Structures are given as C-alpha cells and as structure tokens.
Amino acid sequence: MGKEQLNEEFFIQKLTNAKVHFERALDCKHTEFDDLYPYMSEHPQFFWYKRYVAWSELLTIVQLCEELSFEWAETFSEQQIQYIQSRVMSSKVLDFWYETNDSKEHVG
C-alpha cells in the first residue's frame, strides 16, 4: 500500500470519527469534551460549546480532505453536505442534521 493511499484512509477515518463526535454532541451524549471540561456540564451554554467544538473539528477535517483532493462527501447525506459547505452551524443544522428528528440514524 502506497503512502498516498494510507494518508487518504487516515483522513477518511478521522472524518468518520469527527462525524460521530459531532452527532454524539448533537444527541447530548458523552464525548471527549465532557472529560476535558467536567466542571462545565452545569453551565447552560455547555452543550452549545460542545456542539461548536465538534462542528469546528468536522469542518477542519473536511477542509483538509478538500485541500488534499480526498473524497469526503461519500460519508454524508446530500443535506449534510450542503450544511458542511455553508460552514455555518445554524439552528437548521442542529435541528435537521438527521433529515428528520424522528430518524433512527442517531449515533449509539
């Protein structure tokens, strides 16, 4: 396996991890952020910060994939791709990331 292939696999795995991290933050489930800032969980803004950190991580890895010409979009739905390309974490992203709020796609 060439170094180039290994790098693409590495970035796609990081992208998948970032997507799971963001979705866990959306679902208010435990993430590494909780471990880093355990005292924050009592603050009203905690979940917003947690989501913002996960969104920023996701956008950063997508940007790196684009700069390296790696195919990142296959991991996401068309709607999610549009959200990522707009780069703004709006209430629309938070409310409709899973297409509908009744979706069973939520991460475990």
C-alpha atoms as a PDB file:
ATOM      1  CA  MET A   1       0.000   0.000   0.000  1.00  0.00           C
ATOM      2  CA  GLY A   2       1.427   3.364  -1.012  1.00  0.00           C
ATOM      3  CA  LYS A   3       1.878   6.223   1.354  1.00  0.00           C
ATOM      4  CA  GLU A   4      -0.729   8.256  -0.561  1.00  0.00           C
ATOM      5  CA  GLN A   5      -3.403   5.562  -0.040  1.00  0.00           C
ATOM      6  CA  LEU A   6      -2.541   5.292   3.639  1.00  0.00           C
ATOM      7  CA  ASN A   7      -2.944   9.062   4.034  1.00  0.00           C
ATOM      8  CA  GLU A   8      -6.366   9.063   2.403  1.00  0.00           C
ATOM      9  CA  GLU A   9      -7.546   6.177   4.571  1.00  0.00           C
ATOM     10  CA  PHE A  10      -6.201   8.004   7.626  1.00  0.00           C
ATOM     11  CA  PHE A  11      -8.095  11.204   6.795  1.00  0.00           C
ATOM     12  CA  ILE A  12     -11.335   9.413   5.932  1.00  0.00           C
ATOM     13  CA  GLN A  13     -11.159   7.576   9.272  1.00  0.00           C
ATOM     14  CA  LYS A  14     -10.563  10.903  11.053  1.00  0.00           C
ATOM     15  CA  LEU A  15     -13.535  12.332   9.143  1.00  0.00           C
ATOM     16  CA  THR A  16     -15.741   9.434  10.207  1.00  0.00           C
ATOM     17  CA  ASN A  17     -14.627   9.922  13.822  1.00  0.00           C
ATOM     18  CA  ALA A  18     -15.357  13.664  13.610  1.00  0.00           C
ATOM     19  CA  LYS A  19     -18.839  12.949  12.213  1.00  0.00           C
ATOM     20  CA  VAL A  20     -19.562  10.550  15.084  1.00  0.00           C
ATOM     21  CA  HIS A  21     -18.210  13.108  17.570  1.00  0.00           C
ATOM     22  CA  PHE A  22     -20.477  15.819  16.132  1.00  0.00           C
ATOM     23  CA  GLU A  23     -23.505  13.515  16.149  1.00  0.00           C
ATOM     24  CA  ARG A  24     -22.829  12.472  19.743  1.00  0.00           C
ATOM     25  CA  ALA A  25     -22.651  16.164  20.662  1.00  0.00           C
ATOM     26  CA  LEU A  26     -25.953  16.787  18.837  1.00  0.00           C
ATOM     27  CA  ASP A  27     -27.546  13.925  20.754  1.00  0.00           C
ATOM     28  CA  CYS A  28     -26.130  15.255  24.060  1.00  0.00           C
ATOM     29  CA  LYS A  29     -24.163  12.048  24.571  1.00  0.00           C
ATOM     30  CA  HIS A  30     -20.767  11.729  26.225  1.00  0.00           C
ATOM     31  CA  THR A  31     -17.753  12.926  24.208  1.00  0.00           C
ATOM     32  CA  GLU A  32     -14.115  13.719  24.964  1.00  0.00           C
ATOM     33  CA  PHE A  33     -15.199  17.312  25.572  1.00  0.00           C
ATOM     34  CA  ASP A  34     -17.046  16.150  28.697  1.00  0.00           C
ATOM     35  CA  ASP A  35     -13.811  14.662  30.025  1.00  0.00           C
ATOM     36  CA  LEU A  36     -11.816  17.803  29.266  1.00  0.00           C
ATOM     37  CA  TYR A  37     -14.265  20.152  30.968  1.00  0.00           C
ATOM     38  CA  PRO A  38     -16.257  18.160  33.558  1.00  0.00           C
ATOM     39  CA  TYR A  39     -16.990  21.295  35.580  1.00  0.00           C
ATOM     40  CA  MET A  40     -18.708  22.882  32.548  1.00  0.00           C
ATOM     41  CA  SER A  41     -21.617  20.446  32.395  1.00  0.00           C
ATOM     42  CA  GLU A  42     -23.558  22.539  34.904  1.00  0.00           C
ATOM     43  CA  HIS A  43     -23.378  25.674  32.741  1.00  0.00           C
ATOM     44  CA  PRO A  44     -26.308  26.401  30.427  1.00  0.00           C
ATOM     45  CA  GLN A  45     -24.034  27.014  27.437  1.00  0.00           C
ATOM     46  CA  PHE A  46     -22.144  23.732  27.828  1.00  0.00           C
ATOM     47  CA  PHE A  47     -23.990  21.805  25.119  1.00  0.00           C
ATOM     48  CA  TRP A  48     -23.701  24.716  22.692  1.00  0.00           C
ATOM     49  CA  TYR A  49     -19.917  24.857  23.250  1.00  0.00           C
ATOM     50  CA  LYS A  50     -19.680  21.095  22.931  1.00  0.00           C
ATOM     51  CA  ARG A  51     -21.516  21.174  19.597  1.00  0.00           C
ATOM     52  CA  TYR A  52     -19.458  24.110  18.366  1.00  0.00           C
ATOM     53  CA  VAL A  53     -16.192  22.294  19.143  1.00  0.00           C
ATOM     54  CA  ALA A  54     -17.369  19.147  17.357  1.00  0.00           C
ATOM     55  CA  TRP A  55     -18.621  21.180  14.346  1.00  0.00           C
ATOM     56  CA  SER A  56     -15.288  23.010  14.115  1.00  0.00           C
ATOM     57  CA  GLU A  57     -13.416  19.704  14.196  1.00  0.00           C
ATOM     58  CA  LEU A  58     -15.611  18.314  11.421  1.00  0.00           C
ATOM     59  CA  LEU A  59     -15.158  21.396   9.222  1.00  0.00           C
ATOM     60  CA  THR A  60     -11.389  21.362   9.739  1.00  0.00           C
ATOM     61  CA  ILE A  61     -11.053  17.751   8.635  1.00  0.00           C
ATOM     62  CA  VAL A  62     -13.341  18.337   5.630  1.00  0.00           C
ATOM     63  CA  GLN A  63     -11.200  21.315   4.634  1.00  0.00           C
ATOM     64  CA  LEU A  64      -8.029  19.214   4.866  1.00  0.00           C
ATOM     65  CA  CYS A  65      -9.645  16.476   2.769  1.00  0.00           C
ATOM     66  CA  GLU A  66     -10.592  19.040   0.132  1.00  0.00           C
ATOM     67  CA  GLU A  67      -7.086  20.515   0.060  1.00  0.00           C
ATOM     68  CA  LEU A  68      -5.648  17.012  -0.373  1.00  0.00           C
ATOM     69  CA  SER A  69      -8.294  16.098  -3.006  1.00  0.00           C
ATOM     70  CA  PHE A  70      -9.690  13.278  -0.877  1.00  0.00           C
ATOM     71  CA  GLU A  71     -13.320  12.241  -1.406  1.00  0.00           C
ATOM     72  CA  TRP A  72     -15.066  13.204   1.815  1.00  0.00           C
ATOM     73  CA  ALA A  73     -18.679  13.655   0.709  1.00  0.00           C
ATOM     74  CA  GLU A  74     -19.491   9.927   0.497  1.00  0.00           C
ATOM     75  CA  THR A  75     -19.753   9.843   4.293  1.00  0.00           C
ATOM     76  CA  PHE A  76     -22.671  12.319   4.363  1.00  0.00           C
ATOM     77  CA  SER A  77     -26.186  12.794   3.009  1.00  0.00           C
ATOM     78  CA  GLU A  78     -26.824  15.492   0.380  1.00  0.00           C
ATOM     79  CA  GLN A  79     -28.399  17.724   3.010  1.00  0.00           C
ATOM     80  CA  GLN A  80     -25.441  17.275   5.380  1.00  0.00           C
ATOM     81  CA  ILE A  81     -23.028  18.122   2.547  1.00  0.00           C
ATOM     82  CA  GLN A  82     -24.909  21.386   1.994  1.00  0.00           C
ATOM     83  CA  TYR A  83     -24.660  22.223   5.696  1.00  0.00           C
ATOM     84  CA  ILE A  84     -20.924  21.499   5.700  1.00  0.00           C
ATOM     85  CA  GLN A  85     -20.335  23.544   2.567  1.00  0.00           C
ATOM     86  CA  SER A  86     -22.188  26.511   4.075  1.00  0.00           C
ATOM     87  CA  ARG A  87     -19.838  26.157   7.097  1.00  0.00           C
ATOM     88  CA  VAL A  88     -22.306  27.836   9.483  1.00  0.00           C
ATOM     89  CA  MET A  89     -23.649  25.835  12.399  1.00  0.00           C
ATOM     90  CA  SER A  90     -27.159  27.212  12.377  1.00  0.00           C
ATOM     91  CA  SER A  91     -30.261  26.030  14.186  1.00  0.00           C
ATOM     92  CA  LYS A  92     -31.192  24.336  10.894  1.00  0.00           C
ATOM     93  CA  VAL A  93     -28.071  22.154  11.136  1.00  0.00           C
ATOM     94  CA  LEU A  94     -28.836  21.311  14.757  1.00  0.00           C
ATOM     95  CA  ASP A  95     -32.492  20.528  14.077  1.00  0.00           C
ATOM     96  CA  PHE A  96     -32.248  18.731  10.736  1.00  0.00           C
ATOM     97  CA  TRP A  97     -28.814  17.066  10.589  1.00  0.00           C
ATOM     98  CA  TYR A  98     -30.554  13.678  10.604  1.00  0.00           C
ATOM     99  CA  GLU A  99     -33.099  14.776   7.929  1.00  0.00           C
ATOM    100  CA  THR A 100     -35.938  14.387  10.462  1.00  0.00           C
ATOM    101  CA  ASN A 101     -35.960  14.446  14.219  1.00  0.00           C
ATOM    102  CA  ASP A 102     -37.605  11.004  14.230  1.00  0.00           C
ATOM    103  CA  SER A 103     -34.687   9.373  12.415  1.00  0.00           C
ATOM    104  CA  LYS A 104     -33.198   6.202  13.842  1.00  0.00           C
ATOM    105  CA  GLU A 105     -29.782   7.196  12.444  1.00  0.00           C
ATOM    106  CA  HIS A 106     -28.697   8.795  15.704  1.00  0.00           C
ATOM    107  CA  VAL A 107     -25.377   7.500  16.949  1.00  0.00           C
ATOM    108  CA  GLY A 108     -25.179   4.959  19.739  1.00  0.00           C
END
